[in-house]
């Protein structure tokens, strides 16, 4: 006998959506510290063997984030991510087919404050990546320092996150039978400092390392623009040259991560808090740009492909901006 469950009420669905987003924000703002504290504290309890055994495993598994990671499909398919998708909501849009016999290098723009669109679209199945792009396995690059945190590193790898270094990228892109996709948030942590509603500024003019990587592997480049990514949080005013911006840049140089002072709504009220606004994100995946393979490309060759990438990204933005309520007179600015 088939058992049918009554649909959840709208208020309950909204509470579950908010709870899913809260746990995601916490996972980036506090889970790393909690994992580190738990790892250390366990050494001073009767459960010290847990940390001891994990340390041995950690040393054996040290290079795994540079070797494609270790995804866990049960976590990628968790219902938690579906509730998170519906909170904003988040939509993934395909504009061209991707051949599963090839590898691809995707540039994701903009970073936003916490890169919600990149995480949900490529580290979970909530938006249906595998359905839209069958035969393609997504990987998303993240700062290497996060993979040095016990327990937290395993959580990151379970979704398909890999270390952001050249060795890690090469491992993903050199798969001979194809079918791998590597997404890089090109603007990185520095671009997050300009993430505020309405911003269309991309830190991209002098970022060419991903282009050189694509040429060295002969991997097609795919531009991605995530409409609404910058609208999730407000940010304390930090114009270039201000003392706050200088402090943020200094901390980024020391720590490797940026510290944007952001805020949005709370859990039980809408005036102030760290929970993102309920604003839609639409991540549009552009058409692949063919790249001719060359082991050691010249600066001129890199510049040519880089300019072509900028043109295609600009074209992608202009073709779709009207659908997502972007004013006609607003254009991308590359800095």
C-alpha atoms as a PDB file:
ATOM      1  CA  UNK A   1       0.000   0.000   0.000  1.00  0.00           C
ATOM      2  CA  UNK A   2       1.386   3.354  -1.034  1.00  0.00           C
ATOM      3  CA  UNK A   3       1.681   5.854   1.777  1.00  0.00           C
ATOM      4  CA  UNK A   4       1.080   9.486   0.876  1.00  0.00           C
ATOM      5  CA  UNK A   5       2.276  12.297   3.099  1.00  0.00           C
ATOM      6  CA  UNK A   6       0.382  15.555   3.404  1.00  0.00           C
ATOM      7  CA  UNK A   7       2.274  18.522   1.943  1.00  0.00           C
ATOM      8  CA  UNK A   8       3.975  20.810   4.415  1.00  0.00           C
ATOM      9  CA  UNK A   9       2.235  24.069   5.212  1.00  0.00           C
ATOM     10  CA  UNK A  10       3.708  27.234   3.695  1.00  0.00           C
ATOM     11  CA  UNK A  11       4.787  28.677   7.093  1.00  0.00           C
ATOM     12  CA  UNK A  12       6.576  25.415   7.956  1.00  0.00           C
ATOM     13  CA  UNK A  13       8.268  25.322   4.565  1.00  0.00           C
ATOM     14  CA  UNK A  14       9.519  28.878   5.067  1.00  0.00           C
ATOM     15  CA  UNK A  15      10.872  28.002   8.523  1.00  0.00           C
ATOM     16  CA  UNK A  16      12.714  24.992   7.105  1.00  0.00           C
ATOM     17  CA  UNK A  17      14.110  27.133   4.278  1.00  0.00           C
ATOM     18  CA  UNK A  18      15.371  29.713   6.777  1.00  0.00           C
ATOM     19  CA  UNK A  19      16.874  26.986   8.977  1.00  0.00           C
ATOM     20  CA  UNK A  20      18.727  25.506   6.000  1.00  0.00           C
ATOM     21  CA  UNK A  21      20.243  28.902   5.142  1.00  0.00           C
ATOM     22  CA  UNK A  22      21.188  29.563   8.775  1.00  0.00           C
ATOM     23  CA  UNK A  23      23.114  26.281   8.978  1.00  0.00           C
ATOM     24  CA  UNK A  24      24.898  27.123   5.702  1.00  0.00           C
ATOM     25  CA  UNK A  25      25.928  30.576   6.929  1.00  0.00           C
ATOM     26  CA  UNK A  26      27.086  29.024  10.208  1.00  0.00           C
ATOM     27  CA  UNK A  27      29.097  26.392   8.330  1.00  0.00           C
ATOM     28  CA  UNK A  28      31.182  29.172   6.753  1.00  0.00           C
ATOM     29  CA  UNK A  29      31.362  31.520   9.733  1.00  0.00           C
ATOM     30  CA  UNK A  30      31.670  29.165  12.686  1.00  0.00           C
ATOM     31  CA  UNK A  31      31.886  25.498  11.774  1.00  0.00           C
ATOM     32  CA  UNK A  32      35.620  25.611  11.033  1.00  0.00           C
ATOM     33  CA  UNK A  33      36.346  27.022  14.490  1.00  0.00           C
ATOM     34  CA  UNK A  34      34.043  24.463  16.121  1.00  0.00           C
ATOM     35  CA  UNK A  35      35.770  21.597  14.296  1.00  0.00           C
ATOM     36  CA  UNK A  36      39.189  22.837  15.389  1.00  0.00           C
ATOM     37  CA  UNK A  37      38.029  23.222  19.001  1.00  0.00           C
ATOM     38  CA  UNK A  38      36.432  19.757  19.042  1.00  0.00           C
ATOM     39  CA  UNK A  39      39.574  18.177  17.600  1.00  0.00           C
ATOM     40  CA  UNK A  40      41.748  19.712  20.335  1.00  0.00           C
ATOM     41  CA  UNK A  41      39.333  19.168  23.231  1.00  0.00           C
ATOM     42  CA  UNK A  42      38.863  15.478  22.409  1.00  0.00           C
ATOM     43  CA  UNK A  43      42.569  14.924  23.111  1.00  0.00           C
ATOM     44  CA  UNK A  44      41.914  15.819  26.772  1.00  0.00           C
ATOM     45  CA  UNK A  45      38.944  13.516  27.261  1.00  0.00           C
ATOM     46  CA  UNK A  46      38.397   9.765  27.361  1.00  0.00           C
ATOM     47  CA  UNK A  47      37.635  10.029  23.628  1.00  0.00           C
ATOM     48  CA  UNK A  48      41.198  11.090  22.831  1.00  0.00           C
ATOM     49  CA  UNK A  49      41.545   8.079  20.527  1.00  0.00           C
ATOM     50  CA  UNK A  50      39.087   9.680  18.073  1.00  0.00           C
ATOM     51  CA  UNK A  51      41.420  12.631  17.501  1.00  0.00           C
ATOM     52  CA  UNK A  52      44.475  10.383  17.511  1.00  0.00           C
ATOM     53  CA  UNK A  53      43.058   8.092  14.825  1.00  0.00           C
ATOM     54  CA  UNK A  54      41.824  11.071  12.818  1.00  0.00           C
ATOM     55  CA  UNK A  55      45.312  12.588  12.927  1.00  0.00           C
ATOM     56  CA  UNK A  56      46.754   9.401  11.414  1.00  0.00           C
ATOM     57  CA  UNK A  57      44.024   9.390   8.741  1.00  0.00           C
ATOM     58  CA  UNK A  58      44.564  13.098   8.106  1.00  0.00           C
ATOM     59  CA  UNK A  59      48.264  12.576   7.357  1.00  0.00           C
ATOM     60  CA  UNK A  60      47.512   9.687   4.989  1.00  0.00           C
ATOM     61  CA  UNK A  61      44.750  11.684   3.276  1.00  0.00           C
ATOM     62  CA  UNK A  62      46.605  15.025   3.209  1.00  0.00           C
ATOM     63  CA  UNK A  63      46.804  15.309  -0.598  1.00  0.00           C
ATOM     64  CA  UNK A  64      43.196  14.335  -1.292  1.00  0.00           C
ATOM     65  CA  UNK A  65      41.926  17.944  -1.775  1.00  0.00           C
ATOM     66  CA  UNK A  66      44.497  18.258  -4.597  1.00  0.00           C
ATOM     67  CA  UNK A  67      43.455  14.933  -6.115  1.00  0.00           C
ATOM     68  CA  UNK A  68      39.853  15.654  -7.000  1.00  0.00           C
ATOM     69  CA  UNK A  69      38.479  15.532  -3.456  1.00  0.00           C
ATOM     70  CA  UNK A  70      36.053  12.926  -2.155  1.00  0.00           C
ATOM     71  CA  UNK A  71      32.419  13.690  -2.897  1.00  0.00           C
ATOM     72  CA  UNK A  72      29.602  11.981  -1.013  1.00  0.00           C
ATOM     73  CA  UNK A  73      26.439  11.810  -3.100  1.00  0.00           C
ATOM     74  CA  UNK A  74      24.149  11.437  -0.078  1.00  0.00           C
ATOM     75  CA  UNK A  75      25.319  14.822   1.192  1.00  0.00           C
ATOM     76  CA  UNK A  76      25.152  16.473  -2.247  1.00  0.00           C
ATOM     77  CA  UNK A  77      21.549  15.240  -2.583  1.00  0.00           C
ATOM     78  CA  UNK A  78      20.464  16.197   0.932  1.00  0.00           C
ATOM     79  CA  UNK A  79      16.992  17.716   1.270  1.00  0.00           C
ATOM     80  CA  UNK A  80      18.592  20.549   3.258  1.00  0.00           C
ATOM     81  CA  UNK A  81      20.013  22.005   0.046  1.00  0.00           C
ATOM     82  CA  UNK A  82      16.624  21.883  -1.672  1.00  0.00           C
ATOM     83  CA  UNK A  83      15.131  23.959   1.122  1.00  0.00           C
ATOM     84  CA  UNK A  84      18.052  26.375   0.793  1.00  0.00           C
ATOM     85  CA  UNK A  85      17.461  26.632  -2.983  1.00  0.00           C
ATOM     86  CA  UNK A  86      13.803  27.497  -2.419  1.00  0.00           C
ATOM     87  CA  UNK A  87      14.667  30.116   0.204  1.00  0.00           C
ATOM     88  CA  UNK A  88      16.095  32.586  -2.324  1.00  0.00           C
ATOM     89  CA  UNK A  89      15.217  30.848  -4.780  1.00  0.00           C
ATOM     90  CA  UNK A  90      18.235  29.797  -6.885  1.00  0.00           C
ATOM     91  CA  UNK A  91      17.955  28.739 -10.531  1.00  0.00           C
ATOM     92  CA  UNK A  92      20.597  27.261 -12.850  1.00  0.00           C
ATOM     93  CA  UNK A  93      20.178  28.149 -16.543  1.00  0.00           C
ATOM     94  CA  UNK A  94      21.836  26.319 -19.438  1.00  0.00           C
ATOM     95  CA  UNK A  95      22.429  28.178 -22.709  1.00  0.00           C
ATOM     96  CA  UNK A  96      24.438  25.487 -24.544  1.00  0.00           C
ATOM     97  CA  UNK A  97      25.141  21.776 -24.417  1.00  0.00           C
ATOM     98  CA  UNK A  98      28.383  20.528 -22.872  1.00  0.00           C
ATOM     99  CA  UNK A  99      30.031  17.475 -24.414  1.00  0.00           C
ATOM    100  CA  UNK A 100      30.735  14.927 -21.631  1.00  0.00           C
ATOM    101  CA  UNK A 101      33.774  13.741 -23.591  1.00  0.00           C
ATOM    102  CA  UNK A 102      35.520  17.029 -22.810  1.00  0.00           C
ATOM    103  CA  UNK A 103      36.718  18.745 -19.657  1.00  0.00           C
ATOM    104  CA  UNK A 104      35.705  22.351 -19.000  1.00  0.00           C
ATOM    105  CA  UNK A 105      37.037  25.306 -17.031  1.00  0.00           C
ATOM    106  CA  UNK A 106      34.255  27.624 -15.884  1.00  0.00           C
ATOM    107  CA  UNK A 107      34.728  31.162 -14.620  1.00  0.00           C
ATOM    108  CA  UNK A 108      32.082  32.097 -12.049  1.00  0.00           C
ATOM    109  CA  UNK A 109      31.130  35.774 -11.578  1.00  0.00           C
ATOM    110  CA  UNK A 110      30.575  37.605  -9.292  1.00  0.00           C
ATOM    111  CA  UNK A 111      31.918  36.222  -6.007  1.00  0.00           C
ATOM    112  CA  UNK A 112      29.265  37.843  -3.834  1.00  0.00           C
ATOM    113  CA  UNK A 113      29.798  37.805  -0.072  1.00  0.00           C
ATOM    114  CA  UNK A 114      29.532  34.040   0.514  1.00  0.00           C
ATOM    115  CA  UNK A 115      29.264  32.692  -3.075  1.00  0.00           C
ATOM    116  CA  UNK A 116      25.852  31.154  -2.438  1.00  0.00           C
ATOM    117  CA  UNK A 117      25.110  30.485  -6.116  1.00  0.00           C
ATOM    118  CA  UNK A 118      28.439  28.777  -6.763  1.00  0.00           C
ATOM    119  CA  UNK A 119      28.086  26.531  -3.726  1.00  0.00           C
ATOM    120  CA  UNK A 120      24.490  25.476  -4.269  1.00  0.00           C
ATOM    121  CA  UNK A 121      24.756  24.950  -8.037  1.00  0.00           C
ATOM    122  CA  UNK A 122      28.063  23.064  -8.115  1.00  0.00           C
ATOM    123  CA  UNK A 123      28.426  21.485  -4.642  1.00  0.00           C
ATOM    124  CA  UNK A 124      24.877  20.164  -4.357  1.00  0.00           C
ATOM    125  CA  UNK A 125      22.250  18.731  -6.683  1.00  0.00           C
ATOM    126  CA  UNK A 126      19.524  21.099  -5.456  1.00  0.00           C
ATOM    127  CA  UNK A 127      19.377  23.033  -8.746  1.00  0.00           C
ATOM    128  CA  UNK A 128      19.701  19.892 -10.881  1.00  0.00           C
ATOM    129  CA  UNK A 129      23.228  20.251 -12.276  1.00  0.00           C
ATOM    130  CA  UNK A 130      23.536  16.569 -13.236  1.00  0.00           C
ATOM    131  CA  UNK A 131      20.169  16.686 -14.982  1.00  0.00           C
ATOM    132  CA  UNK A 132      21.051  19.788 -16.983  1.00  0.00           C
ATOM    133  CA  UNK A 133      24.588  18.608 -17.786  1.00  0.00           C
ATOM    134  CA  UNK A 134      24.555  14.780 -17.836  1.00  0.00           C
ATOM    135  CA  UNK A 135      27.952  13.108 -17.757  1.00  0.00           C
ATOM    136  CA  UNK A 136      29.689  16.189 -16.289  1.00  0.00           C
ATOM    137  CA  UNK A 137      31.191  16.040 -12.783  1.00  0.00           C
ATOM    138  CA  UNK A 138      31.434  19.524 -11.185  1.00  0.00           C
ATOM    139  CA  UNK A 139      34.304  20.670  -8.962  1.00  0.00           C
ATOM    140  CA  UNK A 140      34.547  24.058  -7.255  1.00  0.00           C
ATOM    141  CA  UNK A 141      37.845  25.530  -6.092  1.00  0.00           C
ATOM    142  CA  UNK A 142      38.236  26.894  -2.558  1.00  0.00           C
ATOM    143  CA  UNK A 143      41.159  28.425  -0.660  1.00  0.00           C
ATOM    144  CA  UNK A 144      43.638  25.758   0.374  1.00  0.00           C
ATOM    145  CA  UNK A 145      43.776  26.877   4.006  1.00  0.00           C
ATOM    146  CA  UNK A 146      40.233  25.602   4.658  1.00  0.00           C
ATOM    147  CA  UNK A 147      41.383  22.055   3.856  1.00  0.00           C
ATOM    148  CA  UNK A 148      43.873  22.185   6.735  1.00  0.00           C
ATOM    149  CA  UNK A 149      41.075  22.196   9.316  1.00  0.00           C
ATOM    150  CA  UNK A 150      40.261  18.772  10.806  1.00  0.00           C
ATOM    151  CA  UNK A 151      36.765  17.364  10.111  1.00  0.00           C
ATOM    152  CA  UNK A 152      35.815  20.548   8.224  1.00  0.00           C
ATOM    153  CA  UNK A 153      37.964  19.484   5.259  1.00  0.00           C
ATOM    154  CA  UNK A 154      35.908  16.303   4.886  1.00  0.00           C
ATOM    155  CA  UNK A 155      32.675  18.294   4.916  1.00  0.00           C
ATOM    156  CA  UNK A 156      34.011  20.521   2.131  1.00  0.00           C
ATOM    157  CA  UNK A 157      35.210  17.651  -0.034  1.00  0.00           C
ATOM    158  CA  UNK A 158      31.882  15.837   0.326  1.00  0.00           C
ATOM    159  CA  UNK A 159      30.258  18.441  -1.922  1.00  0.00           C
ATOM    160  CA  UNK A 160      32.961  18.492  -4.598  1.00  0.00           C
ATOM    161  CA  UNK A 161      35.167  21.335  -3.341  1.00  0.00           C
ATOM    162  CA  UNK A 162      38.868  21.066  -4.165  1.00  0.00           C
ATOM    163  CA  UNK A 163      41.970  23.033  -3.228  1.00  0.00           C
ATOM    164  CA  UNK A 164      42.641  26.227  -5.197  1.00  0.00           C
ATOM    165  CA  UNK A 165      46.136  25.590  -6.496  1.00  0.00           C
ATOM    166  CA  UNK A 166      47.559  24.688  -9.894  1.00  0.00           C
ATOM    167  CA  UNK A 167      48.248  21.059  -8.990  1.00  0.00           C
ATOM    168  CA  UNK A 168      44.616  20.566  -7.978  1.00  0.00           C
ATOM    169  CA  UNK A 169      43.301  22.248 -11.134  1.00  0.00           C
ATOM    170  CA  UNK A 170      45.582  20.197 -13.383  1.00  0.00           C
ATOM    171  CA  UNK A 171      44.444  16.956 -11.757  1.00  0.00           C
ATOM    172  CA  UNK A 172      40.796  17.729 -12.604  1.00  0.00           C
ATOM    173  CA  UNK A 173      41.428  19.067 -16.121  1.00  0.00           C
ATOM    174  CA  UNK A 174      43.771  16.340 -17.326  1.00  0.00           C
ATOM    175  CA  UNK A 175      41.204  13.529 -17.102  1.00  0.00           C
ATOM    176  CA  UNK A 176      41.729  11.867 -20.514  1.00  0.00           C
ATOM    177  CA  UNK A 177      38.171  10.623 -21.027  1.00  0.00           C
ATOM    178  CA  UNK A 178      36.693  14.044 -20.199  1.00  0.00           C
ATOM    179  CA  UNK A 179      33.561  14.687 -18.170  1.00  0.00           C
ATOM    180  CA  UNK A 180      35.142  16.963 -15.531  1.00  0.00           C
ATOM    181  CA  UNK A 181      34.168  20.570 -14.898  1.00  0.00           C
ATOM    182  CA  UNK A 182      36.283  22.905 -12.781  1.00  0.00           C
ATOM    183  CA  UNK A 183      34.630  26.113 -11.580  1.00  0.00           C
ATOM    184  CA  UNK A 184      36.813  29.000 -10.410  1.00  0.00           C
ATOM    185  CA  UNK A 185      35.412  32.097  -8.719  1.00  0.00           C
ATOM    186  CA  UNK A 186      37.855  34.314 -10.564  1.00  0.00           C
ATOM    187  CA  UNK A 187      37.386  37.502  -8.538  1.00  0.00           C
ATOM    188  CA  UNK A 188      38.170  35.615  -5.350  1.00  0.00           C
ATOM    189  CA  UNK A 189      38.163  36.959  -1.827  1.00  0.00           C
ATOM    190  CA  UNK A 190      39.163  40.459  -2.926  1.00  0.00           C
ATOM    191  CA  UNK A 191      36.075  40.824  -5.117  1.00  0.00           C
ATOM    192  CA  UNK A 192      33.874  40.044  -2.099  1.00  0.00           C
ATOM    193  CA  UNK A 193      34.815  43.470  -0.698  1.00  0.00           C
ATOM    194  CA  UNK A 194      32.812  45.093  -3.520  1.00  0.00           C
ATOM    195  CA  UNK A 195      29.800  42.795  -3.176  1.00  0.00           C
ATOM    196  CA  UNK A 196      26.753  44.951  -2.509  1.00  0.00           C
ATOM    197  CA  UNK A 197      23.295  45.236  -4.126  1.00  0.00           C
ATOM    198  CA  UNK A 198      23.404  46.599  -7.663  1.00  0.00           C
ATOM    199  CA  UNK A 199      27.167  46.203  -8.080  1.00  0.00           C
ATOM    200  CA  UNK A 200      28.379  44.988 -11.481  1.00  0.00           C
ATOM    201  CA  UNK A 201      32.100  45.436 -10.853  1.00  0.00           C
ATOM    202  CA  UNK A 202      34.235  42.364 -11.560  1.00  0.00           C
ATOM    203  CA  UNK A 203      37.855  41.923 -10.568  1.00  0.00           C
ATOM    204  CA  UNK A 204      38.922  40.399 -13.859  1.00  0.00           C
ATOM    205  CA  UNK A 205      40.970  42.777 -16.017  1.00  0.00           C
ATOM    206  CA  UNK A 206      44.334  41.480 -14.804  1.00  0.00           C
ATOM    207  CA  UNK A 207      43.300  37.997 -13.670  1.00  0.00           C
ATOM    208  CA  UNK A 208      44.679  35.731 -16.390  1.00  0.00           C
ATOM    209  CA  UNK A 209      45.963  32.682 -14.542  1.00  0.00           C
ATOM    210  CA  UNK A 210      42.795  30.690 -15.273  1.00  0.00           C
ATOM    211  CA  UNK A 211      43.148  31.525 -18.982  1.00  0.00           C
ATOM    212  CA  UNK A 212      46.746  30.319 -19.048  1.00  0.00           C
ATOM    213  CA  UNK A 213      45.622  27.123 -17.289  1.00  0.00           C
ATOM    214  CA  UNK A 214      42.941  26.538 -19.928  1.00  0.00           C
ATOM    215  CA  UNK A 215      45.449  27.002 -22.771  1.00  0.00           C
ATOM    216  CA  UNK A 216      47.986  24.646 -21.192  1.00  0.00           C
ATOM    217  CA  UNK A 217      45.341  21.910 -21.018  1.00  0.00           C
ATOM    218  CA  UNK A 218      43.431  22.811 -24.181  1.00  0.00           C
ATOM    219  CA  UNK A 219      40.286  23.112 -22.058  1.00  0.00           C
ATOM    220  CA  UNK A 220      37.271  25.132 -23.286  1.00  0.00           C
ATOM    221  CA  UNK A 221      36.450  28.165 -21.154  1.00  0.00           C
ATOM    222  CA  UNK A 222      32.846  28.685 -20.055  1.00  0.00           C
ATOM    223  CA  UNK A 223      31.746  32.087 -18.665  1.00  0.00           C
ATOM    224  CA  UNK A 224      29.111  32.082 -15.919  1.00  0.00           C
ATOM    225  CA  UNK A 225      27.240  35.065 -14.532  1.00  0.00           C
ATOM    226  CA  UNK A 226      25.118  34.706 -11.411  1.00  0.00           C
ATOM    227  CA  UNK A 227      22.444  37.395 -11.444  1.00  0.00           C
ATOM    228  CA  UNK A 228      21.421  38.439  -7.933  1.00  0.00           C
ATOM    229  CA  UNK A 229      24.584  37.120  -6.253  1.00  0.00           C
ATOM    230  CA  UNK A 230      25.530  40.575  -4.969  1.00  0.00           C
ATOM    231  CA  UNK A 231      22.016  41.349  -3.694  1.00  0.00           C
ATOM    232  CA  UNK A 232      21.943  38.985  -0.720  1.00  0.00           C
ATOM    233  CA  UNK A 233      23.746  41.223   1.788  1.00  0.00           C
ATOM    234  CA  UNK A 234      24.386  44.855   2.528  1.00  0.00           C
ATOM    235  CA  UNK A 235      27.990  45.774   3.292  1.00  0.00           C
ATOM    236  CA  UNK A 236      29.522  48.490   5.429  1.00  0.00           C
ATOM    237  CA  UNK A 237      30.757  51.274   3.179  1.00  0.00           C
ATOM    238  CA  UNK A 238      34.437  50.669   2.350  1.00  0.00           C
ATOM    239  CA  UNK A 239      35.504  52.801  -0.632  1.00  0.00           C
ATOM    240  CA  UNK A 240      38.993  52.286  -2.014  1.00  0.00           C
ATOM    241  CA  UNK A 241      41.514  54.310  -0.050  1.00  0.00           C
ATOM    242  CA  UNK A 242      39.434  54.318   3.140  1.00  0.00           C
ATOM    243  CA  UNK A 243      40.970  53.091   6.398  1.00  0.00           C
ATOM    244  CA  UNK A 244      38.541  50.170   6.476  1.00  0.00           C
ATOM    245  CA  UNK A 245      39.463  49.035   2.958  1.00  0.00           C
ATOM    246  CA  UNK A 246      43.167  49.303   3.747  1.00  0.00           C
ATOM    247  CA  UNK A 247      42.656  47.233   6.902  1.00  0.00           C
ATOM    248  CA  UNK A 248      40.680  44.605   4.969  1.00  0.00           C
ATOM    249  CA  UNK A 249      43.403  44.374   2.313  1.00  0.00           C
ATOM    250  CA  UNK A 250      46.068  44.050   5.000  1.00  0.00           C
ATOM    251  CA  UNK A 251      44.177  41.251   6.754  1.00  0.00           C
ATOM    252  CA  UNK A 252      43.678  39.518   3.402  1.00  0.00           C
ATOM    253  CA  UNK A 253      47.430  39.584   2.744  1.00  0.00           C
ATOM    254  CA  UNK A 254      48.104  38.086   6.184  1.00  0.00           C
ATOM    255  CA  UNK A 255      45.266  35.547   6.405  1.00  0.00           C
ATOM    256  CA  UNK A 256      44.534  34.804   2.737  1.00  0.00           C
ATOM    257  CA  UNK A 257      40.809  35.547   3.180  1.00  0.00           C
ATOM    258  CA  UNK A 258      38.870  38.799   3.010  1.00  0.00           C
ATOM    259  CA  UNK A 259      36.629  39.991   5.824  1.00  0.00           C
ATOM    260  CA  UNK A 260      33.700  41.958   4.370  1.00  0.00           C
ATOM    261  CA  UNK A 261      31.554  43.572   7.079  1.00  0.00           C
ATOM    262  CA  UNK A 262      28.158  42.417   5.848  1.00  0.00           C
ATOM    263  CA  UNK A 263      24.651  42.285   7.262  1.00  0.00           C
ATOM    264  CA  UNK A 264      21.138  41.520   6.092  1.00  0.00           C
ATOM    265  CA  UNK A 265      18.185  40.182   8.111  1.00  0.00           C
ATOM    266  CA  UNK A 266      17.822  38.160  11.293  1.00  0.00           C
ATOM    267  CA  UNK A 267      16.158  34.824  11.986  1.00  0.00           C
ATOM    268  CA  UNK A 268      13.065  36.252  13.682  1.00  0.00           C
ATOM    269  CA  UNK A 269      13.176  39.835  12.419  1.00  0.00           C
ATOM    270  CA  UNK A 270      14.030  41.559   9.154  1.00  0.00           C
ATOM    271  CA  UNK A 271      15.936  44.663  10.247  1.00  0.00           C
ATOM    272  CA  UNK A 272      19.419  43.332  11.031  1.00  0.00           C
ATOM    273  CA  UNK A 273      21.334  40.042  11.120  1.00  0.00           C
ATOM    274  CA  UNK A 274      23.600  37.700   9.176  1.00  0.00           C
ATOM    275  CA  UNK A 275      20.894  35.736   7.370  1.00  0.00           C
ATOM    276  CA  UNK A 276      20.813  36.664   3.640  1.00  0.00           C
ATOM    277  CA  UNK A 277      17.787  38.382   2.146  1.00  0.00           C
ATOM    278  CA  UNK A 278      15.215  36.313   0.252  1.00  0.00           C
ATOM    279  CA  UNK A 279      16.268  37.526  -3.170  1.00  0.00           C
ATOM    280  CA  UNK A 280      16.398  35.372  -6.307  1.00  0.00           C
ATOM    281  CA  UNK A 281      19.686  34.186  -7.807  1.00  0.00           C
ATOM    282  CA  UNK A 282      19.805  33.048 -11.409  1.00  0.00           C
ATOM    283  CA  UNK A 283      23.085  31.485 -12.488  1.00  0.00           C
ATOM    284  CA  UNK A 284      23.453  31.530 -16.279  1.00  0.00           C
ATOM    285  CA  UNK A 285      26.007  29.171 -17.828  1.00  0.00           C
ATOM    286  CA  UNK A 286      27.332  30.526 -21.113  1.00  0.00           C
ATOM    287  CA  UNK A 287      28.614  28.842 -24.259  1.00  0.00           C
ATOM    288  CA  UNK A 288      32.016  27.105 -24.297  1.00  0.00           C
ATOM    289  CA  UNK A 289      34.888  29.077 -25.807  1.00  0.00           C
ATOM    290  CA  UNK A 290      37.234  26.723 -27.740  1.00  0.00           C
ATOM    291  CA  UNK A 291      40.866  26.959 -26.640  1.00  0.00           C
ATOM    292  CA  UNK A 292      43.855  25.692 -28.623  1.00  0.00           C
ATOM    293  CA  UNK A 293      46.252  23.709 -26.462  1.00  0.00           C
ATOM    294  CA  UNK A 294      49.794  24.984 -26.024  1.00  0.00           C
ATOM    295  CA  UNK A 295      52.208  23.912 -23.310  1.00  0.00           C
ATOM    296  CA  UNK A 296      53.856  27.297 -22.813  1.00  0.00           C
ATOM    297  CA  UNK A 297      51.632  30.069 -24.198  1.00  0.00           C
ATOM    298  CA  UNK A 298      53.115  33.515 -24.702  1.00  0.00           C
ATOM    299  CA  UNK A 299      51.726  36.595 -22.933  1.00  0.00           C
ATOM    300  CA  UNK A 300      50.214  37.729 -26.214  1.00  0.00           C
ATOM    301  CA  UNK A 301      48.385  34.419 -26.687  1.00  0.00           C
ATOM    302  CA  UNK A 302      47.048  34.563 -23.126  1.00  0.00           C
ATOM    303  CA  UNK A 303      45.903  38.155 -23.648  1.00  0.00           C
ATOM    304  CA  UNK A 304      44.033  37.220 -26.835  1.00  0.00           C
ATOM    305  CA  UNK A 305      42.084  34.409 -25.165  1.00  0.00           C
ATOM    306  CA  UNK A 306      41.506  36.555 -22.085  1.00  0.00           C
ATOM    307  CA  UNK A 307      40.011  39.342 -24.207  1.00  0.00           C
ATOM    308  CA  UNK A 308      37.787  36.854 -25.979  1.00  0.00           C
ATOM    309  CA  UNK A 309      36.598  35.602 -22.590  1.00  0.00           C
ATOM    310  CA  UNK A 310      35.808  39.166 -21.463  1.00  0.00           C
ATOM    311  CA  UNK A 311      33.834  39.750 -24.655  1.00  0.00           C
ATOM    312  CA  UNK A 312      31.807  36.554 -24.222  1.00  0.00           C
ATOM    313  CA  UNK A 313      31.090  37.305 -20.560  1.00  0.00           C
ATOM    314  CA  UNK A 314      29.972  40.837 -21.463  1.00  0.00           C
ATOM    315  CA  UNK A 315      27.754  39.419 -24.196  1.00  0.00           C
ATOM    316  CA  UNK A 316      26.238  36.882 -21.795  1.00  0.00           C
ATOM    317  CA  UNK A 317      25.414  39.636 -19.304  1.00  0.00           C
ATOM    318  CA  UNK A 318      23.871  41.944 -21.909  1.00  0.00           C
ATOM    319  CA  UNK A 319      21.742  39.183 -23.453  1.00  0.00           C
ATOM    320  CA  UNK A 320      20.187  38.133 -20.145  1.00  0.00           C
ATOM    321  CA  UNK A 321      20.152  41.203 -17.903  1.00  0.00           C
ATOM    322  CA  UNK A 322      16.661  42.364 -18.955  1.00  0.00           C
ATOM    323  CA  UNK A 323      15.170  39.050 -17.765  1.00  0.00           C
ATOM    324  CA  UNK A 324      16.516  39.648 -14.262  1.00  0.00           C
ATOM    325  CA  UNK A 325      15.499  43.295 -13.821  1.00  0.00           C
ATOM    326  CA  UNK A 326      18.920  44.809 -14.472  1.00  0.00           C
ATOM    327  CA  UNK A 327      18.520  48.405 -15.784  1.00  0.00           C
ATOM    328  CA  UNK A 328      19.312  48.877 -19.459  1.00  0.00           C
ATOM    329  CA  UNK A 329      22.005  51.467 -18.678  1.00  0.00           C
ATOM    330  CA  UNK A 330      23.899  49.178 -16.272  1.00  0.00           C
ATOM    331  CA  UNK A 331      26.901  47.317 -17.707  1.00  0.00           C
ATOM    332  CA  UNK A 332      29.729  45.150 -16.441  1.00  0.00           C
ATOM    333  CA  UNK A 333      32.823  46.972 -15.252  1.00  0.00           C
ATOM    334  CA  UNK A 334      36.112  45.066 -15.352  1.00  0.00           C
ATOM    335  CA  UNK A 335      38.785  46.282 -12.937  1.00  0.00           C
END
